[in-house]
Amino acid sequence: MSCRAQALGILPLVLAPELGDFNEDLRRLSPERLIANLRAQLVLENALAFLPA
């Protein structure tokens, strides 16, 4: 999948959860903390486009 994205000029990123997986982050931490963690891993333009304010 990564090779196909790169062939189209898309840089795929691997996002990392704080705990075991994103579902666990959501359940055990909070939606706000999950969003903050994702926001820190994205470039500003994508964070603004894809995450709630």
Protein backbone atom coordinates (compact mmCIF):
# COMPACT_ATOMS: atom_id res chain seq x y z
CA MET A 1 0.00 0.00 0.00
CA SER A 2 2.83 2.40 0.89
CA CYS A 3 4.52 1.90 -2.48
CA ARG A 4 1.31 2.71 -4.33
CA ALA A 5 0.84 5.89 -2.32
CA GLN A 6 4.43 6.98 -2.93
CA ALA A 7 4.05 6.31 -6.66
CA LEU A 8 1.18 8.82 -6.62
CA GLY A 9 3.28 11.41 -4.79
CA ILE A 10 1.64 10.79 -1.41
CA LEU A 11 3.84 10.49 1.66
CA PRO A 12 2.28 7.85 3.92
CA LEU A 13 2.86 8.36 7.62
CA VAL A 14 2.71 5.79 10.38
CA LEU A 15 0.80 7.29 13.29
CA ALA A 16 1.56 5.96 16.76
CA PRO A 17 -0.89 5.59 19.64
CA GLU A 18 0.21 6.43 23.18
CA LEU A 19 -0.88 3.05 24.54
CA GLY A 20 -1.34 -0.25 22.70
CA ASP A 21 -3.63 1.01 19.93
CA PHE A 22 -5.87 3.97 19.11
CA ASN A 23 -8.97 2.26 20.46
CA GLU A 24 -7.25 1.83 23.82
CA ASP A 25 -6.15 5.48 23.75
CA LEU A 26 -9.74 6.52 23.13
CA ARG A 27 -11.19 4.30 25.87
CA ARG A 28 -8.57 4.75 28.59
CA LEU A 29 -7.33 8.31 28.01
CA SER A 30 -9.99 10.48 26.36
CA PRO A 31 -11.10 11.65 22.93
CA GLU A 32 -9.36 14.99 23.56
CA ARG A 33 -6.05 13.35 24.40
CA LEU A 34 -6.28 11.08 21.34
CA ILE A 35 -6.89 14.11 19.14
CA ALA A 36 -3.98 15.96 20.75
CA ASN A 37 -1.68 13.00 20.15
CA LEU A 38 -2.72 12.76 16.50
CA ARG A 39 -2.43 16.53 16.03
CA ALA A 40 1.18 16.40 17.26
CA GLN A 41 2.01 13.79 14.61
CA LEU A 42 0.47 15.59 11.62
CA VAL A 43 1.64 18.64 9.72
CA LEU A 44 -0.47 21.66 10.65
CA GLU A 45 -2.31 21.76 7.32
CA ASN A 46 -3.53 18.17 7.71
CA ALA A 47 -4.35 18.58 11.39
CA LEU A 48 -6.55 21.57 10.55
CA ALA A 49 -8.21 19.71 7.68
CA PHE A 50 -8.86 16.36 9.35
CA LEU A 51 -9.15 16.92 13.11
CA PRO A 52 -11.75 18.88 15.08
CA ALA A 53 -10.74 22.29 16.34
